Amino acid sequence: MPGRSVYWIVIACAVFSLTACVAFPGTWNGRPLVYNVRTATILANGDVHLDLLTSLDRRIASAIATTRPPPGAERVVLLIKLDRLTKGFNARRNLDRAHVTVTASSVETGEPVAEAKLVVDASTDDPRYGREQLAEQIAARIRYAFSLTTPRLRVVRHPPKISTILATEAPVAARTSVTTVQPQAAKPVRAPRSATVDDGASGAVRLGADCDAVGNADCLVPQH
């Protein structure tokens, strides 16, 4: 009898183990689902901030646009509903918590084919980040659940905040300056003027020891 009891206990454990491995249709068992997601719609109550919905919609739309689904994947549309926003417990009591329900409906039939219920906690309560980081946490869970691609972030290069005094400056290309020489007009050629042998000559001529032309002009007259 004890042996038969152990036998039936082993059989029952095996049956329960196999049952636990089978996923019921229409539910999400934690493994990524592969669908051809065409679009997504976000629903929320009026007390949910608009910037949270806008940030979440932008992230999901970018993920859908960059995802390349495998051939033959079933086409679905996502309905993302933010059921409520609360606060966490214990160490997370100051962090926001979002309860989200994601339903995937077939494009051909309109019937729901999968549903995921997510509880997402914010990673920080720093007011500088606002609700952007909560939207990113929700989008990350949805991307994982439905095998969506994480879009690449745009890299923004900020100016350096450290001193650049010792930084090596880039070599400056040598500048070549070209000087334009203006042609000069040729000077007119002047014809040489006629000159005599007396031009430019100066001095005194004495014709004799006793003849002074300044005091006695008659001494210049030839004497016969």
Foldseek 3Di string as FASTA:
>chain_A
DVVVVVVVVVVVVVVVVVVVVDDDWAEFPPAAAAALEDEEAEEEDPVDDPVLVVLLRVQLVLLNVPDDGDPPGFYWYKYKYFYDKAFDDDVGRLWIKTWIKIWIAGPVPRHTGYIYIDIFTAPDPPCVCPCNRVSVRVNVVVCRRHVTDRDDDDDDDDDDPDDCPVPDDDDDDDDDDDDDDDDDDDDDDDDDDDDDPCVPDDDDDDPDDPDDCVVDVVVVPDDD
